[in-house]
Structures are given as C-alpha cells and as structure tokens.
PDB file of N, CA and C in Angstrom:
ATOM      1  N   UNK A   1      85.162 110.958  92.657  1.00  0.00           N
ATOM      2  CA  UNK A   1      86.469 111.716  93.265  1.00  0.00           C
ATOM      3  C   UNK A   1      87.414 111.207  92.872  1.00  0.00           C
ATOM      4  N   UNK A   2      88.353 112.020  92.636  1.00  0.00           N
ATOM      5  CA  UNK A   2      89.949 111.605  92.905  1.00  0.00           C
ATOM      6  C   UNK A   2      90.626 111.144  94.125  1.00  0.00           C
ATOM      7  N   UNK A   3      90.713 109.695  94.473  1.00  0.00           N
ATOM      8  CA  UNK A   3      92.247 109.966  95.454  1.00  0.00           C
ATOM      9  C   UNK A   3      93.407 109.385  95.153  1.00  0.00           C
ATOM     10  N   UNK A   4      94.363 109.868  95.982  1.00  0.00           N
ATOM     11  CA  UNK A   4      95.997 109.307  95.679  1.00  0.00           C
ATOM     12  C   UNK A   4      96.939 109.378  96.724  1.00  0.00           C
ATOM     13  N   UNK A   5      97.065 108.613  96.877  1.00  0.00           N
ATOM     14  CA  UNK A   5      98.125 107.703  97.763  1.00  0.00           C
ATOM     15  C   UNK A   5      99.592 107.264  97.319  1.00  0.00           C
ATOM     16  N   UNK A   6     100.281 106.443  98.144  1.00  0.00           N
ATOM     17  CA  UNK A   6     101.400 105.507  98.083  1.00  0.00           C
ATOM     18  C   UNK A   6     102.011 105.010  98.872  1.00  0.00           C
ATOM     19  N   UNK A   7     102.986 104.541  99.103  1.00  0.00           N
ATOM     20  CA  UNK A   7     103.494 103.758 100.047  1.00  0.00           C
ATOM     21  C   UNK A   7     104.518 105.068 101.038  1.00  0.00           C
ATOM     22  N   UNK A   8     105.637 104.856 102.006  1.00  0.00           N
ATOM     23  CA  UNK A   8     105.760 105.775 102.859  1.00  0.00           C
ATOM     24  C   UNK A   8     107.287 106.163 102.117  1.00  0.00           C
ATOM     25  N   UNK A   9     108.075 105.685 101.150  1.00  0.00           N
ATOM     26  CA  UNK A   9     109.460 105.979 100.372  1.00  0.00           C
ATOM     27  C   UNK A   9     108.924 106.787  99.550  1.00  0.00           C
ATOM     28  N   UNK A  10     107.116 106.626  98.902  1.00  0.00           N
ATOM     29  CA  UNK A  10     107.116 107.637  97.537  1.00  0.00           C
ATOM     30  C   UNK A  10     107.364 106.784  96.481  1.00  0.00           C
ATOM     31  N   UNK A  11     108.109 105.551  96.654  1.00  0.00           N
ATOM     32  CA  UNK A  11     108.136 104.821  95.212  1.00  0.00           C
ATOM     33  C   UNK A  11     106.782 104.228  94.340  1.00  0.00           C
ATOM     34  N   UNK A  12     106.297 103.847  95.468  1.00  0.00           N
ATOM     35  CA  UNK A  12     104.830 103.537  95.067  1.00  0.00           C
ATOM     36  C   UNK A  12     103.804 104.675  94.965  1.00  0.00           C
ATOM     37  N   UNK A  13     103.205 104.531  94.333  1.00  0.00           N
ATOM     38  CA  UNK A  13     102.369 105.885  94.156  1.00  0.00           C
ATOM     39  C   UNK A  13     100.447 105.342  92.699  1.00  0.00           C
ATOM     40  N   UNK A  14      99.696 105.386  93.539  1.00  0.00           N
ATOM     41  CA  UNK A  14      98.478 105.385  92.654  1.00  0.00           C
ATOM     42  C   UNK A  14      97.294 106.184  92.748  1.00  0.00           C
ATOM     43  N   UNK A  15      96.380 106.006  92.014  1.00  0.00           N
ATOM     44  CA  UNK A  15      95.142 107.397  92.127  1.00  0.00           C
ATOM     45  C   UNK A  15      94.037 106.175  91.725  1.00  0.00           C
ATOM     46  N   UNK A  16      93.096 106.457  92.033  1.00  0.00           N
ATOM     47  CA  UNK A  16      91.643 106.130  92.168  1.00  0.00           C
ATOM     48  C   UNK A  16      90.192 107.030  91.937  1.00  0.00           C
ATOM     49  N   UNK A  17      89.429 106.575  91.434  1.00  0.00           N
ATOM     50  CA  UNK A  17      88.325 106.981  91.573  1.00  0.00           C
ATOM     51  C   UNK A  17      87.483 106.629  92.673  1.00  0.00           C
ATOM     52  N   UNK A  18      86.836 107.079  93.655  1.00  0.00           N
ATOM     53  CA  UNK A  18      85.660 106.883  94.373  1.00  0.00           C
ATOM     54  C   UNK A  18      85.051 107.600  94.781  1.00  0.00           C
ATOM     55  N   UNK A  19      83.547 107.133  95.449  1.00  0.00           N
ATOM     56  CA  UNK A  19      82.635 108.130  95.817  1.00  0.00           C
ATOM     57  C   UNK A  19      83.073 109.047  96.929  1.00  0.00           C
ATOM     58  N   UNK A  20      82.137 109.963  97.130  1.00  0.00           N
ATOM     59  CA  UNK A  20      82.741 110.620  98.428  1.00  0.00           C
ATOM     60  C   UNK A  20      82.542 110.450  99.712  1.00  0.00           C
ATOM     61  N   UNK A  21      81.563 109.769  99.886  1.00  0.00           N
ATOM     62  CA  UNK A  21      81.406 108.650 101.236  1.00  0.00           C
ATOM     63  C   UNK A  21      81.438 107.097 100.526  1.00  0.00           C
ATOM     64  N   UNK A  22      82.520 106.609 101.570  1.00  0.00           N
ATOM     65  CA  UNK A  22      83.060 105.341 101.395  1.00  0.00           C
ATOM     66  C   UNK A  22      82.895 104.483 102.821  1.00  0.00           C
ATOM     67  N   UNK A  23      82.789 102.988 102.886  1.00  0.00           N
ATOM     68  CA  UNK A  23      82.456 101.996 103.588  1.00  0.00           C
ATOM     69  C   UNK A  23      84.313 101.361 103.733  1.00  0.00           C
ATOM     70  N   UNK A  24      84.967 101.311 104.693  1.00  0.00           N
ATOM     71  CA  UNK A  24      86.190 100.549 105.013  1.00  0.00           C
ATOM     72  C   UNK A  24      85.600  99.390 105.626  1.00  0.00           C
ATOM     73  N   UNK A  25      86.526  98.483 105.172  1.00  0.00           N
ATOM     74  CA  UNK A  25      86.683  96.939 105.989  1.00  0.00           C
ATOM     75  C   UNK A  25      87.656  96.977 106.784  1.00  0.00           C
ATOM     76  N   UNK A  26      87.665  97.031 108.179  1.00  0.00           N
ATOM     77  CA  UNK A  26      88.440  96.629 109.605  1.00  0.00           C
ATOM     78  C   UNK A  26      88.197  95.092 109.438  1.00  0.00           C
ATOM     79  N   UNK A  27      89.781  94.390 109.260  1.00  0.00           N
ATOM     80  CA  UNK A  27      89.684  93.029 109.441  1.00  0.00           C
ATOM     81  C   UNK A  27      90.213  92.788 110.117  1.00  0.00           C
ATOM     82  N   UNK A  28      90.284  91.501 110.677  1.00  0.00           N
ATOM     83  CA  UNK A  28      90.711  91.211 112.059  1.00  0.00           C
ATOM     84  C   UNK A  28      91.831  89.849 111.743  1.00  0.00           C
ATOM     85  N   UNK A  29      92.059  89.460 109.953  1.00  0.00           N
ATOM     86  CA  UNK A  29      92.865  88.515 110.001  1.00  0.00           C
ATOM     87  C   UNK A  29      94.443  88.670 110.570  1.00  0.00           C
ATOM     88  N   UNK A  30      94.668  87.458 110.647  1.00  0.00           N
ATOM     89  CA  UNK A  30      96.267  87.718 111.159  1.00  0.00           C
ATOM     90  C   UNK A  30      97.003  88.822 110.737  1.00  0.00           C
ATOM     91  N   UNK A  31      97.340  89.288 109.214  1.00  0.00           N
ATOM     92  CA  UNK A  31      98.176  90.132 108.759  1.00  0.00           C
ATOM     93  C   UNK A  31      96.807  91.363 109.004  1.00  0.00           C
ATOM     94  N   UNK A  32      96.128  91.760 108.558  1.00  0.00           N
ATOM     95  CA  UNK A  32      95.348  92.743 108.874  1.00  0.00           C
ATOM     96  C   UNK A  32      95.190  93.437 110.244  1.00  0.00           C
ATOM     97  N   UNK A  33      95.211  92.246 111.003  1.00  0.00           N
ATOM     98  CA  UNK A  33      95.477  92.792 112.597  1.00  0.00           C
ATOM     99  C   UNK A  33      96.666  93.146 113.222  1.00  0.00           C
ATOM    100  N   UNK A  34      97.746  92.709 112.513  1.00  0.00           N
ATOM    101  CA  UNK A  34      99.346  93.098 112.493  1.00  0.00           C
ATOM    102  C   UNK A  34      99.714  94.842 112.006  1.00  0.00           C
ATOM    103  N   UNK A  35      99.137  94.703 111.083  1.00  0.00           N
ATOM    104  CA  UNK A  35      99.340  95.770 110.177  1.00  0.00           C
ATOM    105  C   UNK A  35      98.578  97.028 110.400  1.00  0.00           C
ATOM    106  N   UNK A  36      97.230  97.201 110.900  1.00  0.00           N
ATOM    107  CA  UNK A  36      96.293  97.289 111.029  1.00  0.00           C
ATOM    108  C   UNK A  36      95.664  98.428 109.651  1.00  0.00           C
ATOM    109  N   UNK A  37      95.655  97.468 108.805  1.00  0.00           N
ATOM    110  CA  UNK A  37      95.513  97.851 107.408  1.00  0.00           C
ATOM    111  C   UNK A  37      93.583  98.119 107.248  1.00  0.00           C
ATOM    112  N   UNK A  38      93.246  99.341 106.910  1.00  0.00           N
ATOM    113  CA  UNK A  38      91.841  99.662 106.567  1.00  0.00           C
ATOM    114  C   UNK A  38      91.278  99.289 105.536  1.00  0.00           C
ATOM    115  N   UNK A  39      90.353  98.438 104.767  1.00  0.00           N
ATOM    116  CA  UNK A  39      90.502  98.549 103.375  1.00  0.00           C
ATOM    117  C   UNK A  39      89.014  99.379 102.832  1.00  0.00           C
ATOM    118  N   UNK A  40      90.083 100.071 102.005  1.00  0.00           N
ATOM    119  CA  UNK A  40      89.085 100.476 100.941  1.00  0.00           C
ATOM    120  C   UNK A  40      89.032 100.260  99.474  1.00  0.00           C
ATOM    121  N   UNK A  41      87.858  98.994  99.240  1.00  0.00           N
ATOM    122  CA  UNK A  41      87.868  98.157  97.784  1.00  0.00           C
ATOM    123  C   UNK A  41      87.622  99.014  96.669  1.00  0.00           C
ATOM    124  N   UNK A  42      88.394  99.391  95.949  1.00  0.00           N
ATOM    125  CA  UNK A  42      88.096  99.918  94.102  1.00  0.00           C
ATOM    126  C   UNK A  42      88.115  99.021  93.252  1.00  0.00           C
ATOM    127  N   UNK A  43      87.223  99.333  92.490  1.00  0.00           N
ATOM    128  CA  UNK A  43      86.966  98.252  91.392  1.00  0.00           C
ATOM    129  C   UNK A  43      88.242  98.571  90.309  1.00  0.00           C
ATOM    130  N   UNK A  44      88.991  97.152  89.796  1.00  0.00           N
ATOM    131  CA  UNK A  44      90.275  97.215  89.515  1.00  0.00           C
ATOM    132  C   UNK A  44      90.371  98.738  88.165  1.00  0.00           C
ATOM    133  N   UNK A  45      88.875  98.774  87.447  1.00  0.00           N
ATOM    134  CA  UNK A  45      88.641  99.857  86.926  1.00  0.00           C
ATOM    135  C   UNK A  45      88.977 101.292  86.771  1.00  0.00           C
ATOM    136  N   UNK A  46      88.955 101.374  88.028  1.00  0.00           N
ATOM    137  CA  UNK A  46      88.944 102.548  89.050  1.00  0.00           C
ATOM    138  C   UNK A  46      90.136 102.974  89.448  1.00  0.00           C
ATOM    139  N   UNK A  47      91.109 102.592  89.523  1.00  0.00           N
ATOM    140  CA  UNK A  47      92.275 102.440  89.603  1.00  0.00           C
ATOM    141  C   UNK A  47      93.500 102.299  89.116  1.00  0.00           C
ATOM    142  N   UNK A  48      94.474 103.459  89.080  1.00  0.00           N
ATOM    143  CA  UNK A  48      95.743 103.346  88.197  1.00  0.00           C
ATOM    144  C   UNK A  48      97.180 103.553  89.162  1.00  0.00           C
ATOM    145  N   UNK A  49      97.641 102.333  88.804  1.00  0.00           N
ATOM    146  CA  UNK A  49      99.061 102.675  89.480  1.00  0.00           C
ATOM    147  C   UNK A  49      99.959 103.565  88.513  1.00  0.00           C
ATOM    148  N   UNK A  50     100.380 104.632  89.331  1.00  0.00           N
ATOM    149  CA  UNK A  50     101.340 105.764  88.557  1.00  0.00           C
ATOM    150  C   UNK A  50     102.905 105.240  88.500  1.00  0.00           C
ATOM    151  N   UNK A  51     103.082 104.569  89.621  1.00  0.00           N
ATOM    152  CA  UNK A  51     104.407 104.551  89.406  1.00  0.00           C
ATOM    153  C   UNK A  51     104.787 103.193  90.338  1.00  0.00           C
ATOM    154  N   UNK A  52     106.002 102.376  90.617  1.00  0.00           N
ATOM    155  CA  UNK A  52     106.292 101.814  91.375  1.00  0.00           C
ATOM    156  C   UNK A  52     106.201 100.676  91.142  1.00  0.00           C
ATOM    157  N   UNK A  53     106.059  99.625  89.962  1.00  0.00           N
ATOM    158  CA  UNK A  53     105.393  98.473  89.849  1.00  0.00           C
ATOM    159  C   UNK A  53     106.488  97.490  89.967  1.00  0.00           C
ATOM    160  N   UNK A  54     108.088  98.236  89.240  1.00  0.00           N
ATOM    161  CA  UNK A  54     108.754  97.707  89.827  1.00  0.00           C
ATOM    162  C   UNK A  54     109.511  97.102  90.898  1.00  0.00           C
ATOM    163  N   UNK A  55     108.978  98.320  91.783  1.00  0.00           N
ATOM    164  CA  UNK A  55     109.512  97.983  93.458  1.00  0.00           C
ATOM    165  C   UNK A  55     108.225  97.206  94.303  1.00  0.00           C
ATOM    166  N   UNK A  56     107.415  96.778  93.679  1.00  0.00           N
ATOM    167  CA  UNK A  56     106.575  95.840  94.220  1.00  0.00           C
ATOM    168  C   UNK A  56     107.012  94.253  94.537  1.00  0.00           C
ATOM    169  N   UNK A  57     106.748  93.535  95.632  1.00  0.00           N
ATOM    170  CA  UNK A  57     106.982  92.770  95.931  1.00  0.00           C
ATOM    171  C   UNK A  57     105.667  91.797  96.662  1.00  0.00           C
ATOM    172  N   UNK A  58     105.877  90.763  95.766  1.00  0.00           N
ATOM    173  CA  UNK A  58     104.628  89.792  96.318  1.00  0.00           C
ATOM    174  C   UNK A  58     104.742  89.003  97.439  1.00  0.00           C
ATOM    175  N   UNK A  59     103.362  88.335  98.241  1.00  0.00           N
ATOM    176  CA  UNK A  59     103.425  87.743  99.441  1.00  0.00           C
ATOM    177  C   UNK A  59     101.862  86.927  99.384  1.00  0.00           C
ATOM    178  N   UNK A  60     102.386  85.795  99.397  1.00  0.00           N
ATOM    179  CA  UNK A  60     100.847  84.547  99.505  1.00  0.00           C
ATOM    180  C   UNK A  60     101.090  84.189 100.895  1.00  0.00           C
ATOM    181  N   UNK A  61      99.590  83.974 101.496  1.00  0.00           N
ATOM    182  CA  UNK A  61      99.922  82.733 102.530  1.00  0.00           C
ATOM    183  C   UNK A  61      98.559  81.893 102.469  1.00  0.00           C
ATOM    184  N   UNK A  62      98.491  81.119 103.227  1.00  0.00           N
ATOM    185  CA  UNK A  62      97.060  80.449 103.585  1.00  0.00           C
ATOM    186  C   UNK A  62      96.292  79.905 102.368  1.00  0.00           C
ATOM    187  N   UNK A  63      95.293  80.576 101.697  1.00  0.00           N
ATOM    188  CA  UNK A  63      94.790  79.773 100.487  1.00  0.00           C
ATOM    189  C   UNK A  63      95.587  79.963  99.526  1.00  0.00           C
ATOM    190  N   UNK A  64      96.032  81.450  99.550  1.00  0.00           N
ATOM    191  CA  UNK A  64      97.212  81.413  98.217  1.00  0.00           C
ATOM    192  C   UNK A  64      96.349  82.563  97.491  1.00  0.00           C
ATOM    193  N   UNK A  65      95.157  83.002  97.908  1.00  0.00           N
ATOM    194  CA  UNK A  65      94.107  83.763  96.656  1.00  0.00           C
ATOM    195  C   UNK A  65      94.350  85.247  96.578  1.00  0.00           C
ATOM    196  N   UNK A  66      94.999  85.707  97.693  1.00  0.00           N
ATOM    197  CA  UNK A  66      94.962  86.992  97.430  1.00  0.00           C
ATOM    198  C   UNK A  66      96.532  87.199  97.590  1.00  0.00           C
ATOM    199  N   UNK A  67      97.028  88.354  96.987  1.00  0.00           N
ATOM    200  CA  UNK A  67      97.824  88.859  96.728  1.00  0.00           C
ATOM    201  C   UNK A  67      98.531  89.877  97.108  1.00  0.00           C
ATOM    202  N   UNK A  68      99.324  89.988  98.794  1.00  0.00           N
ATOM    203  CA  UNK A  68      99.786  90.617  99.387  1.00  0.00           C
ATOM    204  C   UNK A  68     100.659  91.442  98.371  1.00  0.00           C
ATOM    205  N   UNK A  69     100.839  93.076  97.942  1.00  0.00           N
ATOM    206  CA  UNK A  69     101.967  93.781  97.591  1.00  0.00           C
ATOM    207  C   UNK A  69     102.298  94.491  98.219  1.00  0.00           C
ATOM    208  N   UNK A  70     103.885  94.558  98.581  1.00  0.00           N
ATOM    209  CA  UNK A  70     104.484  95.040  99.250  1.00  0.00           C
ATOM    210  C   UNK A  70     105.574  96.411  98.485  1.00  0.00           C
ATOM    211  N   UNK A  71     106.185  97.109  99.094  1.00  0.00           N
ATOM    212  CA  UNK A  71     107.222  97.857  98.198  1.00  0.00           C
ATOM    213  C   UNK A  71     108.719  97.406  98.875  1.00  0.00           C
ATOM    214  N   UNK A  72     109.088  96.845  98.154  1.00  0.00           N
ATOM    215  CA  UNK A  72     110.387  96.126  98.531  1.00  0.00           C
ATOM    216  C   UNK A  72     111.079  97.362  99.046  1.00  0.00           C
ATOM    217  N   UNK A  73     110.887  98.640  98.871  1.00  0.00           N
ATOM    218  CA  UNK A  73     112.329  99.823  99.283  1.00  0.00           C
ATOM    219  C   UNK A  73     111.782  99.677 101.296  1.00  0.00           C
ATOM    220  N   UNK A  74     110.523 100.445 101.016  1.00  0.00           N
ATOM    221  CA  UNK A  74     110.119 100.435 102.961  1.00  0.00           C
ATOM    222  C   UNK A  74     109.184  99.326 103.393  1.00  0.00           C
ATOM    223  N   UNK A  75     108.800  98.672 102.721  1.00  0.00           N
ATOM    224  CA  UNK A  75     107.835  97.403 103.040  1.00  0.00           C
ATOM    225  C   UNK A  75     106.492  97.784 103.280  1.00  0.00           C
ATOM    226  N   UNK A  76     106.248  98.922 102.646  1.00  0.00           N
ATOM    227  CA  UNK A  76     104.509  99.437 103.002  1.00  0.00           C
ATOM    228  C   UNK A  76     103.447  98.702 102.194  1.00  0.00           C
ATOM    229  N   UNK A  77     102.678  98.261 102.669  1.00  0.00           N
ATOM    230  CA  UNK A  77     101.889  97.732 101.641  1.00  0.00           C
ATOM    231  C   UNK A  77     100.334  98.638 101.341  1.00  0.00           C
ATOM    232  N   UNK A  78     100.460  99.353 100.427  1.00  0.00           N
ATOM    233  CA  UNK A  78      98.993 100.228 100.416  1.00  0.00           C
ATOM    234  C   UNK A  78      98.421 100.049  99.629  1.00  0.00           C
ATOM    235  N   UNK A  79      98.298  98.883  98.527  1.00  0.00           N
ATOM    236  CA  UNK A  79      97.257  98.341  98.336  1.00  0.00           C
ATOM    237  C   UNK A  79      97.372  96.816  97.502  1.00  0.00           C
ATOM    238  N   UNK A  80      96.720  95.868  97.422  1.00  0.00           N
ATOM    239  CA  UNK A  80      96.499  94.659  97.121  1.00  0.00           C
ATOM    240  C   UNK A  80      95.303  94.102  96.573  1.00  0.00           C
ATOM    241  N   UNK A  81      95.558  92.833  96.140  1.00  0.00           N
ATOM    242  CA  UNK A  81      94.505  92.176  95.567  1.00  0.00           C
ATOM    243  C   UNK A  81      93.809  91.353  96.423  1.00  0.00           C
ATOM    244  N   UNK A  82      92.638  91.384  97.156  1.00  0.00           N
ATOM    245  CA  UNK A  82      91.957  90.919  98.181  1.00  0.00           C
ATOM    246  C   UNK A  82      91.559  89.447  97.636  1.00  0.00           C
ATOM    247  N   UNK A  83      91.394  88.839  98.515  1.00  0.00           N
ATOM    248  CA  UNK A  83      90.524  87.047  98.377  1.00  0.00           C
ATOM    249  C   UNK A  83      89.094  87.901  98.446  1.00  0.00           C
ATOM    250  N   UNK A  84      88.350  88.489  99.173  1.00  0.00           N
ATOM    251  CA  UNK A  84      87.233  88.526  99.424  1.00  0.00           C
ATOM    252  C   UNK A  84      86.796  89.783  98.150  1.00  0.00           C
ATOM    253  N   UNK A  85      87.297  90.324  97.487  1.00  0.00           N
ATOM    254  CA  UNK A  85      86.965  90.997  96.204  1.00  0.00           C
ATOM    255  C   UNK A  85      87.928  90.959  95.238  1.00  0.00           C
ATOM    256  N   UNK A  86      87.430  89.626  94.346  1.00  0.00           N
ATOM    257  CA  UNK A  86      88.011  89.696  93.315  1.00  0.00           C
ATOM    258  C   UNK A  86      88.595  90.473  91.855  1.00  0.00           C
ATOM    259  N   UNK A  87      87.117  91.230  92.124  1.00  0.00           N
ATOM    260  CA  UNK A  87      87.128  92.179  91.152  1.00  0.00           C
ATOM    261  C   UNK A  87      87.300  93.903  91.463  1.00  0.00           C
ATOM    262  N   UNK A  88      88.746  94.010  92.674  1.00  0.00           N
ATOM    263  CA  UNK A  88      89.132  94.921  93.368  1.00  0.00           C
ATOM    264  C   UNK A  88      89.924  95.015  93.865  1.00  0.00           C
ATOM    265  N   UNK A  89      91.041  96.207  93.524  1.00  0.00           N
ATOM    266  CA  UNK A  89      92.193  96.811  94.425  1.00  0.00           C
ATOM    267  C   UNK A  89      91.570  97.085  96.151  1.00  0.00           C
ATOM    268  N   UNK A  90      91.760  96.070  96.790  1.00  0.00           N
ATOM    269  CA  UNK A  90      92.006  97.377  98.195  1.00  0.00           C
ATOM    270  C   UNK A  90      93.056  98.118  98.778  1.00  0.00           C
ATOM    271  N   UNK A  91      92.928  99.165  98.466  1.00  0.00           N
ATOM    272  CA  UNK A  91      93.569 100.387  98.914  1.00  0.00           C
ATOM    273  C   UNK A  91      93.510 100.495 100.318  1.00  0.00           C
ATOM    274  N   UNK A  92      94.574 100.720 100.615  1.00  0.00           N
ATOM    275  CA  UNK A  92      95.178 101.039 102.918  1.00  0.00           C
ATOM    276  C   UNK A  92      94.279 102.228 102.654  1.00  0.00           C
ATOM    277  N   UNK A  93      93.551 102.559 103.537  1.00  0.00           N
ATOM    278  CA  UNK A  93      93.136 103.824 103.675  1.00  0.00           C
ATOM    279  C   UNK A  93      94.121 104.865 104.628  1.00  0.00           C
ATOM    280  N   UNK A  94      94.799 103.990 104.721  1.00  0.00           N
ATOM    281  CA  UNK A  94      96.123 105.016 105.926  1.00  0.00           C
ATOM    282  C   UNK A  94      97.070 105.350 104.865  1.00  0.00           C
ATOM    283  N   UNK A  95      97.116 104.665 103.912  1.00  0.00           N
ATOM    284  CA  UNK A  95      98.201 105.567 102.570  1.00  0.00           C
ATOM    285  C   UNK A  95      97.627 106.223 101.907  1.00  0.00           C
ATOM    286  N   UNK A  96      96.163 106.892 102.090  1.00  0.00           N
ATOM    287  CA  UNK A  96      95.905 107.748 100.988  1.00  0.00           C
ATOM    288  C   UNK A  96      96.943 109.340 101.602  1.00  0.00           C
ATOM    289  N   UNK A  97      96.445 109.733 100.945  1.00  0.00           N
ATOM    290  CA  UNK A  97      97.512 111.423 100.609  1.00  0.00           C
ATOM    291  C   UNK A  97      96.649 112.046 101.575  1.00  0.00           C
ATOM    292  N   UNK A  98      96.819 113.084 102.684  1.00  0.00           N
ATOM    293  CA  UNK A  98      96.113 113.935 103.989  1.00  0.00           C
ATOM    294  C   UNK A  98      94.830 114.486 103.397  1.00  0.00           C
ATOM    295  N   UNK A  99      95.116 115.140 102.196  1.00  0.00           N
ATOM    296  CA  UNK A  99      94.178 115.708 101.755  1.00  0.00           C
ATOM    297  C   UNK A  99      93.039 115.101 101.125  1.00  0.00           C
ATOM    298  N   UNK A 100      92.924 113.734 101.336  1.00  0.00           N
ATOM    299  CA  UNK A 100      91.959 113.159 100.552  1.00  0.00           C
ATOM    300  C   UNK A 100      90.210 113.889 100.607  1.00  0.00           C
ATOM    301  N   UNK A 101      89.803 113.951 101.536  1.00  0.00           N
ATOM    302  CA  UNK A 101      88.392 114.381 101.357  1.00  0.00           C
ATOM    303  C   UNK A 101      87.717 113.482 101.566  1.00  0.00           C
ATOM    304  N   UNK A 102      88.007 112.199 101.694  1.00  0.00           N
ATOM    305  CA  UNK A 102      86.656 111.184 101.638  1.00  0.00           C
ATOM    306  C   UNK A 102      85.871 111.127 103.295  1.00  0.00           C
ATOM    307  N   UNK A 103      84.784 111.074 103.428  1.00  0.00           N
ATOM    308  CA  UNK A 103      83.460 110.905 104.392  1.00  0.00           C
ATOM    309  C   UNK A 103      83.955 109.022 104.145  1.00  0.00           C
ATOM    310  N   UNK A 104      84.378 108.589 105.778  1.00  0.00           N
ATOM    311  CA  UNK A 104      84.429 107.415 105.589  1.00  0.00           C
ATOM    312  C   UNK A 104      83.715 106.234 106.862  1.00  0.00           C
ATOM    313  N   UNK A 105      83.288 105.471 106.708  1.00  0.00           N
ATOM    314  CA  UNK A 105      82.343 104.509 107.248  1.00  0.00           C
ATOM    315  C   UNK A 105      83.501 103.392 107.764  1.00  0.00           C
ATOM    316  N   UNK A 106      83.168 102.600 109.094  1.00  0.00           N
ATOM    317  CA  UNK A 106      84.309 101.280 109.440  1.00  0.00           C
ATOM    318  C   UNK A 106      83.261 100.408 109.845  1.00  0.00           C
ATOM    319  N   UNK A 107      83.206  99.379 108.860  1.00  0.00           N
ATOM    320  CA  UNK A 107      82.420  98.190 109.096  1.00  0.00           C
ATOM    321  C   UNK A 107      83.492  96.707 109.588  1.00  0.00           C
ATOM    322  N   UNK A 108      83.388  96.285 110.524  1.00  0.00           N
ATOM    323  CA  UNK A 108      84.056  95.099 110.536  1.00  0.00           C
ATOM    324  C   UNK A 108      83.951  93.958 109.896  1.00  0.00           C
ATOM    325  N   UNK A 109      85.175  93.187 109.428  1.00  0.00           N
ATOM    326  CA  UNK A 109      85.010  91.898 109.021  1.00  0.00           C
ATOM    327  C   UNK A 109      85.712  90.856 109.385  1.00  0.00           C
ATOM    328  N   UNK A 110      85.351  89.826 110.034  1.00  0.00           N
ATOM    329  CA  UNK A 110      86.009  88.742 110.477  1.00  0.00           C
ATOM    330  C   UNK A 110      86.720  88.199 109.962  1.00  0.00           C
ATOM    331  N   UNK A 111      87.970  88.608 109.433  1.00  0.00           N
ATOM    332  CA  UNK A 111      88.883  87.471 108.468  1.00  0.00           C
ATOM    333  C   UNK A 111      89.354  86.191 109.246  1.00  0.00           C
ATOM    334  N   UNK A 112      89.133  85.897 110.206  1.00  0.00           N
ATOM    335  CA  UNK A 112      89.762  85.199 110.983  1.00  0.00           C
ATOM    336  C   UNK A 112      88.718  84.073 111.018  1.00  0.00           C
ATOM    337  N   UNK A 113      87.375  84.171 110.323  1.00  0.00           N
ATOM    338  CA  UNK A 113      86.463  83.281 110.063  1.00  0.00           C
ATOM    339  C   UNK A 113      85.772  83.875 108.409  1.00  0.00           C
ATOM    340  N   UNK A 114      87.059  83.749 107.804  1.00  0.00           N
ATOM    341  CA  UNK A 114      86.680  84.224 106.188  1.00  0.00           C
ATOM    342  C   UNK A 114      84.911  83.573 105.427  1.00  0.00           C
ATOM    343  N   UNK A 115      85.527  82.824 105.798  1.00  0.00           N
ATOM    344  CA  UNK A 115      84.352  81.837 104.875  1.00  0.00           C
ATOM    345  C   UNK A 115      83.119  82.549 105.394  1.00  0.00           C
ATOM    346  N   UNK A 116      82.514  82.228 106.786  1.00  0.00           N
ATOM    347  CA  UNK A 116      81.174  83.069 107.386  1.00  0.00           C
ATOM    348  C   UNK A 116      81.093  84.293 106.787  1.00  0.00           C
ATOM    349  N   UNK A 117      82.440  85.269 107.070  1.00  0.00           N
ATOM    350  CA  UNK A 117      82.244  86.889 106.881  1.00  0.00           C
ATOM    351  C   UNK A 117      82.134  86.958 105.390  1.00  0.00           C
ATOM    352  N   UNK A 118      82.838  86.857 104.512  1.00  0.00           N
ATOM    353  CA  UNK A 118      82.280  86.873 102.913  1.00  0.00           C
ATOM    354  C   UNK A 118      80.959  86.547 103.011  1.00  0.00           C
ATOM    355  N   UNK A 119      80.155  85.566 103.426  1.00  0.00           N
ATOM    356  CA  UNK A 119      78.763  85.345 102.984  1.00  0.00           C
ATOM    357  C   UNK A 119      77.977  85.982 103.990  1.00  0.00           C
ATOM    358  N   UNK A 120      78.375  86.818 105.081  1.00  0.00           N
ATOM    359  CA  UNK A 120      77.442  88.058 105.987  1.00  0.00           C
ATOM    360  C   UNK A 120      78.077  88.643 105.095  1.00  0.00           C
ATOM    361  N   UNK A 121      78.906  89.518 104.514  1.00  0.00           N
ATOM    362  CA  UNK A 121      78.994  90.554 103.738  1.00  0.00           C
ATOM    363  C   UNK A 121      78.142  90.460 101.983  1.00  0.00           C
ATOM    364  N   UNK A 122      77.697  89.547 101.691  1.00  0.00           N
ATOM    365  CA  UNK A 122      77.246  89.158 100.786  1.00  0.00           C
ATOM    366  C   UNK A 122      77.409  90.141  99.787  1.00  0.00           C
ATOM    367  N   UNK A 123      76.271  90.671  99.100  1.00  0.00           N
ATOM    368  CA  UNK A 123      76.091  91.998  98.008  1.00  0.00           C
ATOM    369  C   UNK A 123      76.449  93.659  98.819  1.00  0.00           C
ATOM    370  N   UNK A 124      76.811  93.451  99.973  1.00  0.00           N
ATOM    371  CA  UNK A 124      76.819  94.736 100.829  1.00  0.00           C
ATOM    372  C   UNK A 124      78.385  95.355 100.054  1.00  0.00           C
ATOM    373  N   UNK A 125      79.290  94.723  99.373  1.00  0.00           N
ATOM    374  CA  UNK A 125      80.351  95.417  98.875  1.00  0.00           C
ATOM    375  C   UNK A 125      80.089  96.665  98.368  1.00  0.00           C
TER     376      UNK A 125
END
C-alpha cells in the first residue's frame, strides 16, 4: 500500500510502498530516545522523496555511519539513512499522514548497545 508523510512545515514530503501490516523499531539510543522516533524501515527502491531535498540538512554522530536528515525550516527528522539498515530509509512513523491505515506492531531495539542489538535483530528485518 502507498503511504505518505513529511515534516511539520510541509517542506519535506515523501511517499513509500509498504505492506499493510508493519513492524516498527523503538530504539533507545541517545537521539531516538530524545525525539521519540519510531522506525519504519523502507527499502530504498520503495521510497520516493517528493519535495524538500533542498530543505534537508545532515547530522552525523558516533560512528558517523547513520545520516540523520532534518528539515532546515522546522527541524523535524521525517526520514533518514540508518546505520542498522543500510539498504533502507528509516521513516518516522509519527511523521506519516494521519490517514495512513497501517497496522503496526512495535519491537524494542537496544540502540544503547547497538552491536549486540543489531546481531539480535539478524534477519528479522
């Protein structure tokens, strides 16, 4: 099914193709815990940035492997390139349009102990 979403001010808009039932990752790493980010991992091929590429600003920390993308206008991170899923965009479930219709379950991800959590995740992505 097709979903859409974006940042608070509307400068950044995207759409993606996902299953009707999805699993979200709730990470406790320093940045996800502070922002309440809920990860919906979408393969690159199933994600389209509709507008706002020029409004995105990048932030990296720690290993630098993840590229956190924020709207330079309103500061919202509606999607980014995660370290844990290099073949996917992580879409913030909370940034989806209200009428998305997805059935979602939430799985915890111990981002504070990233290496072990990634190993535990295995092929369950």
